[in-house]
Amino acid sequence: MALSPTKGIVMAGAAVLPLPIFQAAIYWIYRMYDDSATLPRFLDYKQLEQVVSMNLCTHGFRGLLALTVLTRFTNCLDPRDRIYAILSLLPPYLSAAVVPNYSRAPEDIFKDTVLLNISLQDNLNILTICRFHDPASVLSLPSWAFDFSVPFQLSMSGLNAVPLDATLPEILAICRSWQQAAYPVSQGGEDSWMHYFITTIFSLSIPLALHLGSNLDMHELRDIYEIDYQRGSFPPFGSNSSVTSSFARNIQRDIPGHRLFKTDSGLMGLCPSWASNTDIIIVAFGCDTPLILRCTERNRYQIGGKCSVNGKMLGEGFLGPLSAGCRIAYMDVAGNPQAVFVDANGVPTQLDPRAGPLPSGWSVWYGTDYLNKIEVENGKLKKQWFFHEETEEWTQYDPRLTPENLKSMGVDIEEFVLV
């Protein structure tokens, strides 16, 4: 049976509901959870959230990466079952090229799926869930091809790593042990250091916050963290919950499987438990977060998934920090959410102000007619295009951010061969 049927019914005793109505009812319960005194007594929010997420997947609102994470604890009888089930939930343009075929080797299916996803999505975000080698995997796969047949393991290695099945009090206790180990009491400047620590702890939530259009208030997060460490839990869901407090609960999703680290240059971050001191951190083209690599031989590297590094999450690795008062936010651009830069006066633009002037021959235009220099019209952002006068090439990709142009700006660009 397909996991994303076009028609279906749900039966409970004599009651029969069409599947879309049942899904709508689940979503209504999810939306009413915060304002109900009764629902929290009977329903676990985490499980309800996962059911709602899977319902949204059936309508094509999720990609391969999100679905893989949502189904991370599932077991399969055949190593090909899970990836074919995931593909059945994706929009056709993301899945049509991989046709279910149980005569093919799982390794070939997984490699094809990853490469196709990178090609269609124009990004490397699928690499964020990789690991150097999964001890539970029996397949012969390169590190860049995720083993979709193996559920995430509950055992974690590494000093002070947070187990994947840790409860909130356990997570908070380990975070406090990180805090105490990384900051000797005798040091000065505790207030600024603590703010830096809190930013690191919640850094994995920053990309999601941007997608949802919120600007995380780290001062408020610090207060929530310090109060809730003493209490051992975050405030219950309720109508007065702020965006920041809802992100505070993401610590239960983001921290398990990670541990705190500090780079040779003094930057702090969160890495997977399997990372070691000799691994390197890179900022890669087309990836929302830094990646961890391990050298196996000369210019050959295994990939160990994503990490978060405070101060390297918003393009700083290529272009340096944003100017004072400037921030990144996701806004609607021609009907699609997109990262834009908002200056101190609240004026948005799609052009990264850190990247300097356009290379010779290039100009920027806006809108569907390609002939408009006005970016914001009637309060709405129009899609950005770049045009080269000599070649007459049109592209949506910023020509300032090519490896060649970044090298000319003095950015250290290297190539890494993944194995």
Protein backbone atom coordinates (compact mmCIF):
# COMPACT_ATOMS: atom_id res chain seq x y z
CA MET A 1 0.00 0.00 0.00
CA ALA A 2 1.30 3.49 -0.81
CA LEU A 3 1.99 5.74 2.16
CA SER A 4 0.50 8.72 0.35
CA PRO A 5 -2.84 7.46 -0.97
CA THR A 6 -5.06 9.76 -2.98
CA LYS A 7 -8.14 8.22 -1.38
CA GLY A 8 -8.64 6.42 1.91
CA ILE A 9 -10.90 6.00 4.92
CA VAL A 10 -10.33 5.71 8.65
CA MET A 11 -12.60 3.33 10.59
CA ALA A 12 -13.14 3.28 14.36
CA GLY A 13 -15.97 0.93 15.28
CA ALA A 14 -18.99 1.98 13.27
CA ALA A 15 -17.53 5.41 12.52
CA VAL A 16 -16.06 5.98 9.07
CA LEU A 17 -14.15 9.12 8.09
CA PRO A 18 -12.56 10.04 4.75
CA LEU A 19 -8.80 10.32 5.25
CA PRO A 20 -8.59 14.08 4.44
CA ILE A 21 -11.22 14.86 7.11
CA PHE A 22 -9.38 12.70 9.65
CA GLN A 23 -6.12 14.50 8.85
CA ALA A 24 -7.85 17.87 9.20
CA ALA A 25 -9.20 16.80 12.61
CA ILE A 26 -5.71 15.83 13.79
CA TYR A 27 -4.39 19.19 12.62
CA TRP A 28 -7.22 20.99 14.46
CA ILE A 29 -6.29 19.17 17.68
CA TYR A 30 -2.66 20.17 17.13
CA ARG A 31 -3.62 23.84 16.68
CA MET A 32 -5.86 23.80 19.78
CA TYR A 33 -3.33 22.03 22.02
CA ASP A 34 -1.85 25.25 23.44
CA ASP A 35 -5.23 26.60 24.55
CA SER A 36 -6.63 23.39 26.02
CA ALA A 37 -6.38 22.27 29.63
CA THR A 38 -7.65 18.79 28.73
CA LEU A 39 -5.63 17.74 25.69
CA PRO A 40 -2.21 17.71 27.44
CA ARG A 41 -3.58 15.15 29.93
CA PHE A 42 -4.36 12.65 27.17
CA LEU A 43 -1.99 13.43 24.30
CA ASP A 44 1.79 13.70 24.17
CA TYR A 45 2.67 16.83 22.20
CA LYS A 46 5.85 15.35 20.72
CA GLN A 47 3.95 12.38 19.26
CA LEU A 48 1.14 14.63 18.05
CA GLU A 49 3.64 16.93 16.35
CA GLN A 50 5.19 13.97 14.51
CA VAL A 51 1.78 12.76 13.30
CA VAL A 52 0.96 16.25 12.02
CA SER A 53 4.34 16.46 10.30
CA MET A 54 3.70 13.17 8.53
CA ASN A 55 0.25 14.38 7.48
CA LEU A 56 1.82 17.48 5.96
CA CYS A 57 4.28 15.22 4.16
CA THR A 58 1.41 13.55 2.33
CA HIS A 59 0.63 16.94 0.79
CA GLY A 60 4.16 17.51 -0.44
CA PHE A 61 5.21 20.04 2.20
CA ARG A 62 8.43 18.22 3.12
CA GLY A 63 11.62 17.21 1.35
CA LEU A 64 13.84 14.15 1.50
CA LEU A 65 15.94 15.47 4.38
CA ALA A 66 12.96 16.34 6.59
CA LEU A 67 11.23 13.02 5.91
CA THR A 68 14.38 11.05 6.64
CA VAL A 69 14.70 12.77 10.02
CA LEU A 70 10.99 12.30 10.82
CA THR A 71 11.25 8.55 10.17
CA ARG A 72 14.65 8.16 11.82
CA PHE A 73 13.58 5.52 14.37
CA THR A 74 11.64 3.24 12.00
CA ASN A 75 12.68 -0.34 11.27
CA CYS A 76 12.30 -2.15 7.94
CA LEU A 77 12.15 -5.78 6.89
CA ASP A 78 13.96 -5.04 3.64
CA PRO A 79 16.71 -2.37 3.44
CA ARG A 80 14.89 -0.77 0.48
CA ASP A 81 11.52 -0.40 2.22
CA ARG A 82 12.14 2.86 4.03
CA ILE A 83 13.58 4.83 1.11
CA TYR A 84 10.76 3.73 -1.20
CA ALA A 85 8.21 4.70 1.47
CA ILE A 86 9.86 8.11 1.88
CA LEU A 87 9.95 8.67 -1.88
CA SER A 88 6.21 7.90 -2.08
CA LEU A 89 5.59 10.92 0.17
CA LEU A 90 7.64 13.35 -1.91
CA PRO A 91 6.37 15.49 -4.79
CA PRO A 92 6.80 13.72 -8.15
CA TYR A 93 9.55 16.06 -9.35
CA LEU A 94 11.70 14.91 -6.40
CA SER A 95 10.96 11.20 -6.63
CA ALA A 96 9.93 10.19 -10.16
CA ALA A 97 13.49 9.37 -11.26
CA VAL A 98 13.90 6.66 -8.58
CA VAL A 99 11.46 3.89 -9.47
CA PRO A 100 10.88 1.15 -6.86
CA ASN A 101 12.82 -1.89 -7.98
CA TYR A 102 13.65 -4.60 -5.44
CA SER A 103 16.10 -6.28 -7.79
CA ARG A 104 18.53 -3.35 -7.44
CA ALA A 105 21.19 -3.28 -4.74
CA PRO A 106 20.32 -0.98 -1.80
CA GLU A 107 23.70 0.75 -2.16
CA ASP A 108 22.91 1.82 -5.72
CA ILE A 109 19.45 3.07 -4.75
CA PHE A 110 20.79 5.13 -1.84
CA LYS A 111 23.60 6.68 -3.88
CA ASP A 112 21.25 7.54 -6.74
CA THR A 113 18.74 9.08 -4.32
CA VAL A 114 21.35 11.32 -2.67
CA LEU A 115 22.88 12.47 -5.96
CA LEU A 116 19.46 13.13 -7.48
CA ASN A 117 18.40 15.13 -4.43
CA ILE A 118 21.53 17.28 -4.60
CA SER A 119 20.96 17.90 -8.30
CA LEU A 120 17.25 18.75 -8.01
CA GLN A 121 17.48 20.81 -4.84
CA ASP A 122 20.67 22.66 -5.80
CA ASN A 123 22.06 22.26 -2.29
CA LEU A 124 24.09 19.89 -0.11
CA ASN A 125 21.78 19.83 2.90
CA ILE A 126 21.20 16.07 2.59
CA LEU A 127 24.85 15.63 3.66
CA THR A 128 24.06 17.05 7.10
CA ILE A 129 22.68 13.68 8.29
CA CYS A 130 25.68 11.63 7.16
CA ARG A 131 28.23 10.07 9.50
CA PHE A 132 31.72 8.72 8.88
CA HIS A 133 30.56 5.14 9.32
CA ASP A 134 27.38 3.87 10.92
CA PRO A 135 28.30 0.84 13.05
CA ALA A 136 24.79 -0.53 12.57
CA SER A 137 25.12 -0.53 8.77
CA VAL A 138 26.12 -3.68 6.90
CA LEU A 139 26.15 -1.99 3.49
CA SER A 140 29.21 -0.86 1.59
CA LEU A 141 28.50 2.83 1.12
CA PRO A 142 30.60 5.98 0.75
CA SER A 143 30.23 8.33 3.70
CA TRP A 144 28.22 10.82 1.58
CA ALA A 145 25.46 8.25 0.90
CA PHE A 146 23.19 7.95 3.94
CA ASP A 147 22.07 4.41 4.84
CA PHE A 148 18.30 4.84 4.75
CA SER A 149 17.75 1.28 6.02
CA VAL A 150 19.28 1.83 9.47
CA PRO A 151 17.33 3.60 12.24
CA PHE A 152 19.22 6.13 14.35
CA GLN A 153 20.99 4.38 17.22
CA LEU A 154 20.20 5.20 20.84
CA SER A 155 23.75 4.63 22.08
CA MET A 156 26.11 7.60 21.91
CA SER A 157 29.88 7.73 22.16
CA GLY A 158 32.08 10.62 23.20
CA LEU A 159 32.72 12.57 26.37
CA ASN A 160 29.53 14.15 27.78
CA ALA A 161 27.48 13.37 24.67
CA VAL A 162 23.71 13.62 25.10
CA PRO A 163 21.98 10.27 24.43
CA LEU A 164 19.33 10.31 21.72
CA ASP A 165 16.71 9.10 24.20
CA ALA A 166 17.64 11.56 26.96
CA THR A 167 14.87 13.22 28.94
CA LEU A 168 14.76 16.99 29.35
CA PRO A 169 16.22 16.99 32.90
CA GLU A 170 19.10 14.83 31.63
CA ILE A 171 19.70 17.18 28.69
CA LEU A 172 19.71 20.25 30.92
CA ALA A 173 22.07 18.56 33.39
CA ILE A 174 24.55 17.71 30.62
CA CYS A 175 24.31 21.25 29.24
CA ARG A 176 25.15 22.55 32.71
CA SER A 177 28.16 20.21 32.86
CA TRP A 178 29.33 21.64 29.51
CA GLN A 179 28.90 25.13 30.90
CA GLN A 180 30.95 24.36 34.00
CA ALA A 181 33.70 22.55 32.07
CA ALA A 182 34.06 25.25 29.42
CA TYR A 183 33.98 28.23 31.78
CA PRO A 184 36.22 28.11 34.87
CA VAL A 185 34.67 30.09 37.70
CA SER A 186 37.83 32.16 38.10
CA GLN A 187 37.52 33.72 34.62
CA GLY A 188 36.20 37.24 34.10
CA GLY A 189 33.48 38.43 31.76
CA GLU A 190 30.97 35.79 32.81
CA ASP A 191 27.94 37.68 31.50
CA SER A 192 29.17 37.97 27.90
CA TRP A 193 30.52 34.42 27.98
CA MET A 194 27.17 33.06 29.20
CA HIS A 195 25.38 34.85 26.38
CA TYR A 196 27.83 33.23 23.93
CA PHE A 197 27.19 29.82 25.50
CA ILE A 198 23.40 30.21 25.20
CA THR A 199 23.74 31.25 21.56
CA THR A 200 25.73 28.05 20.98
CA ILE A 201 23.27 25.79 22.78
CA PHE A 202 20.39 27.05 20.63
CA SER A 203 22.40 27.53 17.42
CA LEU A 204 20.81 24.50 15.72
CA SER A 205 17.45 26.30 15.96
CA ILE A 206 18.70 29.40 14.12
CA PRO A 207 18.09 28.11 10.53
CA LEU A 208 14.57 27.00 11.50
CA ALA A 209 13.88 30.32 13.21
CA LEU A 210 14.90 32.16 10.06
CA HIS A 211 12.63 29.98 7.92
CA LEU A 212 9.72 30.84 10.21
CA GLY A 213 10.57 34.53 10.15
CA SER A 214 11.44 34.90 13.84
CA ASN A 215 14.49 36.51 15.38
CA LEU A 216 15.54 34.48 18.42
CA ASP A 217 15.93 36.62 21.53
CA MET A 218 19.04 35.13 23.13
CA HIS A 219 18.58 37.16 26.33
CA GLU A 220 15.13 35.62 26.79
CA LEU A 221 16.49 32.17 25.92
CA ARG A 222 19.16 32.62 28.58
CA ASP A 223 16.53 33.40 31.21
CA ILE A 224 14.47 30.37 30.17
CA TYR A 225 17.53 28.10 30.25
CA GLU A 226 18.71 29.23 33.70
CA ILE A 227 15.24 29.05 35.27
CA ASP A 228 14.37 25.72 33.70
CA TYR A 229 17.66 24.10 34.66
CA GLN A 230 16.58 24.56 38.27
CA ARG A 231 13.05 23.33 37.52
CA GLY A 232 14.11 20.51 35.19
CA SER A 233 11.47 21.27 32.57
CA PHE A 234 10.26 24.04 30.30
CA PRO A 235 6.89 25.78 30.86
CA PRO A 236 3.88 23.78 29.62
CA PHE A 237 2.37 24.71 26.29
CA GLY A 238 -0.16 27.48 26.66
CA SER A 239 -1.72 30.47 24.98
CA ASN A 240 0.88 32.78 26.51
CA SER A 241 3.84 30.87 25.08
CA SER A 242 6.20 33.15 23.15
CA VAL A 243 8.04 32.23 19.97
CA THR A 244 11.25 32.17 21.98
CA SER A 245 9.91 29.80 24.64
CA SER A 246 8.62 27.47 21.93
CA PHE A 247 12.11 27.40 20.45
CA ALA A 248 13.48 26.65 23.90
CA ARG A 249 11.66 23.33 23.69
CA ASN A 250 13.65 22.57 20.55
CA ILE A 251 16.54 21.73 22.85
CA GLN A 252 14.81 18.36 23.26
CA ARG A 253 15.04 17.84 19.50
CA ASP A 254 18.42 19.42 18.69
CA ILE A 255 20.79 18.59 21.56
CA PRO A 256 20.48 14.75 21.77
CA GLY A 257 23.30 13.07 19.86
CA HIS A 258 25.61 16.08 20.24
CA ARG A 259 28.33 17.41 22.49
CA LEU A 260 30.01 20.76 22.98
CA PHE A 261 33.35 21.56 21.34
CA LYS A 262 35.74 24.46 21.04
CA THR A 263 37.91 25.07 17.96
CA ASP A 264 41.61 25.96 17.97
CA SER A 265 40.60 29.53 17.10
CA GLY A 266 38.30 29.75 20.14
CA LEU A 267 34.91 29.29 18.44
CA MET A 268 32.33 27.21 20.28
CA GLY A 269 29.85 24.81 18.73
CA LEU A 270 27.88 21.58 18.84
CA CYS A 271 29.09 18.49 17.00
CA PRO A 272 27.84 14.91 16.58
CA SER A 273 29.04 12.58 19.31
CA TRP A 274 31.22 10.63 16.87
CA ALA A 275 33.39 13.63 15.90
CA SER A 276 36.97 13.71 17.22
CA ASN A 277 39.68 16.29 17.85
CA THR A 278 41.46 15.64 14.54
CA ASP A 279 38.39 16.27 12.37
CA ILE A 280 38.03 19.53 10.46
CA ILE A 281 35.08 21.89 10.00
CA ILE A 282 34.26 23.38 6.61
CA VAL A 283 31.68 25.84 5.31
CA ALA A 284 30.49 24.34 2.02
CA PHE A 285 28.77 25.94 -0.95
CA GLY A 286 25.09 25.05 -0.90
CA CYS A 287 24.85 23.86 2.70
CA ASP A 288 22.95 25.70 5.44
CA THR A 289 25.28 24.56 8.23
CA PRO A 290 29.01 23.78 8.58
CA LEU A 291 30.08 20.19 7.91
CA ILE A 292 32.58 17.90 9.65
CA LEU A 293 35.20 16.08 7.56
CA ARG A 294 37.77 13.41 8.45
CA CYS A 295 40.85 12.93 6.31
CA THR A 296 41.44 9.32 5.21
CA GLU A 297 44.29 9.95 2.77
CA ARG A 298 45.65 12.87 0.79
CA ASN A 299 42.67 15.08 -0.18
CA ARG A 300 40.20 12.27 0.49
CA TYR A 301 37.64 12.87 3.22
CA GLN A 302 34.76 11.12 4.89
CA ILE A 303 31.83 13.29 5.90
CA GLY A 304 30.47 13.17 9.44
CA GLY A 305 27.38 15.32 9.10
CA LYS A 306 26.60 18.82 10.27
CA CYS A 307 27.75 20.83 13.22
CA SER A 308 26.83 24.27 14.48
CA VAL A 309 29.53 26.85 15.08
CA ASN A 310 28.61 30.09 16.77
CA GLY A 311 29.57 32.87 14.37
CA LYS A 312 29.69 30.67 11.24
CA MET A 313 26.00 29.94 10.65
CA LEU A 314 25.03 32.88 8.41
CA GLY A 315 27.65 32.94 5.66
CA GLU A 316 30.40 34.41 7.85
CA GLY A 317 32.81 31.71 6.66
CA PHE A 318 32.76 33.21 3.16
CA LEU A 319 31.89 36.86 3.68
CA GLY A 320 32.49 37.76 7.31
CA PRO A 321 29.95 39.02 9.85
CA LEU A 322 26.94 41.16 9.04
CA SER A 323 27.25 44.86 9.78
CA ALA A 324 25.76 46.27 12.98
CA GLY A 325 21.97 46.38 12.84
CA CYS A 326 21.72 44.09 9.80
CA ARG A 327 20.09 40.68 10.09
CA ILE A 328 18.95 37.77 7.92
CA ALA A 329 15.25 36.88 7.76
CA TYR A 330 13.03 34.72 5.57
CA MET A 331 10.41 36.69 3.66
CA ASP A 332 7.98 36.01 0.85
CA VAL A 333 9.65 36.60 -2.52
CA ALA A 334 7.28 36.11 -5.45
CA GLY A 335 5.30 33.53 -3.47
CA ASN A 336 8.24 31.60 -1.98
CA PRO A 337 10.04 31.98 1.38
CA GLN A 338 13.61 33.16 0.81
CA ALA A 339 16.50 34.48 2.88
CA VAL A 340 16.84 38.25 2.62
CA PHE A 341 18.99 40.86 4.34
CA VAL A 342 17.26 43.47 6.47
CA ASP A 343 19.22 46.63 7.30
CA ALA A 344 19.06 48.71 10.48
CA ASN A 345 16.13 50.68 9.05
CA GLY A 346 14.11 47.53 8.35
CA VAL A 347 14.60 47.69 4.56
CA PRO A 348 14.94 44.21 2.99
CA THR A 349 17.07 43.24 -0.02
CA GLN A 350 18.05 39.96 -1.65
CA LEU A 351 21.57 41.22 -2.43
CA ASP A 352 24.05 40.21 0.27
CA PRO A 353 25.61 43.54 1.35
CA ARG A 354 28.86 41.78 2.32
CA ALA A 355 29.71 40.46 -1.16
CA GLY A 356 30.87 43.70 -2.77
CA PRO A 357 30.13 44.95 -6.31
CA LEU A 358 28.95 42.72 -9.14
CA PRO A 359 31.68 41.34 -11.45
CA SER A 360 32.25 43.16 -14.74
CA GLY A 361 29.40 42.78 -17.24
CA TRP A 362 26.76 41.74 -14.70
CA SER A 363 23.65 43.68 -13.65
CA VAL A 364 20.73 42.88 -11.38
CA TRP A 365 17.02 42.99 -12.30
CA TYR A 366 13.75 42.17 -10.60
CA GLY A 367 10.39 40.69 -11.54
CA THR A 368 9.11 38.30 -14.18
CA ASP A 369 9.74 40.67 -17.08
CA TYR A 370 13.51 40.88 -16.27
CA LEU A 371 13.40 44.61 -17.09
CA ASN A 372 12.72 46.20 -13.73
CA LYS A 373 15.27 47.76 -11.42
CA ILE A 374 12.80 48.15 -8.54
CA GLU A 375 13.07 45.34 -5.98
CA VAL A 376 10.15 46.20 -3.66
CA GLU A 377 6.80 47.20 -5.15
CA ASN A 378 3.60 47.70 -3.14
CA GLY A 379 5.39 46.29 -0.12
CA LYS A 380 6.27 43.02 -1.88
CA LEU A 381 9.68 41.69 -2.90
CA LYS A 382 10.09 40.67 -6.54
CA LYS A 383 12.31 37.82 -7.67
CA GLN A 384 15.92 38.77 -8.29
CA TRP A 385 17.74 37.98 -11.56
CA PHE A 386 21.26 38.60 -12.82
CA PHE A 387 22.09 39.40 -16.46
CA HIS A 388 25.44 39.30 -18.28
CA GLU A 389 25.63 41.80 -21.12
CA GLU A 390 28.11 39.94 -23.36
CA THR A 391 26.84 36.37 -23.01
CA GLU A 392 23.18 37.46 -22.54
CA GLU A 393 22.93 34.89 -19.74
CA TRP A 394 20.13 35.17 -17.19
CA THR A 395 20.56 33.45 -13.82
CA GLN A 396 19.05 33.55 -10.35
CA TYR A 397 22.44 32.77 -8.78
CA ASP A 398 24.57 35.64 -7.51
CA PRO A 399 27.70 35.84 -9.73
CA ARG A 400 29.61 37.36 -6.81
CA LEU A 401 29.39 34.05 -4.93
CA THR A 402 31.20 31.82 -7.42
CA PRO A 403 34.45 30.19 -6.25
CA GLU A 404 36.38 32.22 -8.81
CA ASN A 405 34.99 35.56 -7.66
CA LEU A 406 35.35 34.72 -3.97
CA LYS A 407 38.98 33.78 -4.58
CA SER A 408 39.52 37.17 -6.22
CA MET A 409 38.11 38.72 -3.03
CA GLY A 410 40.70 36.87 -0.96
CA VAL A 411 38.44 34.11 0.39
CA ASP A 412 40.27 30.82 0.98
CA ILE A 413 38.48 28.31 -1.29
CA GLU A 414 39.45 24.62 -1.28
CA GLU A 415 38.12 21.48 -2.95
CA PHE A 416 37.46 18.35 -0.89
CA VAL A 417 36.95 14.90 -2.42
CA LEU A 418 34.38 12.91 -0.44
CA VAL A 419 34.70 9.14 -0.17
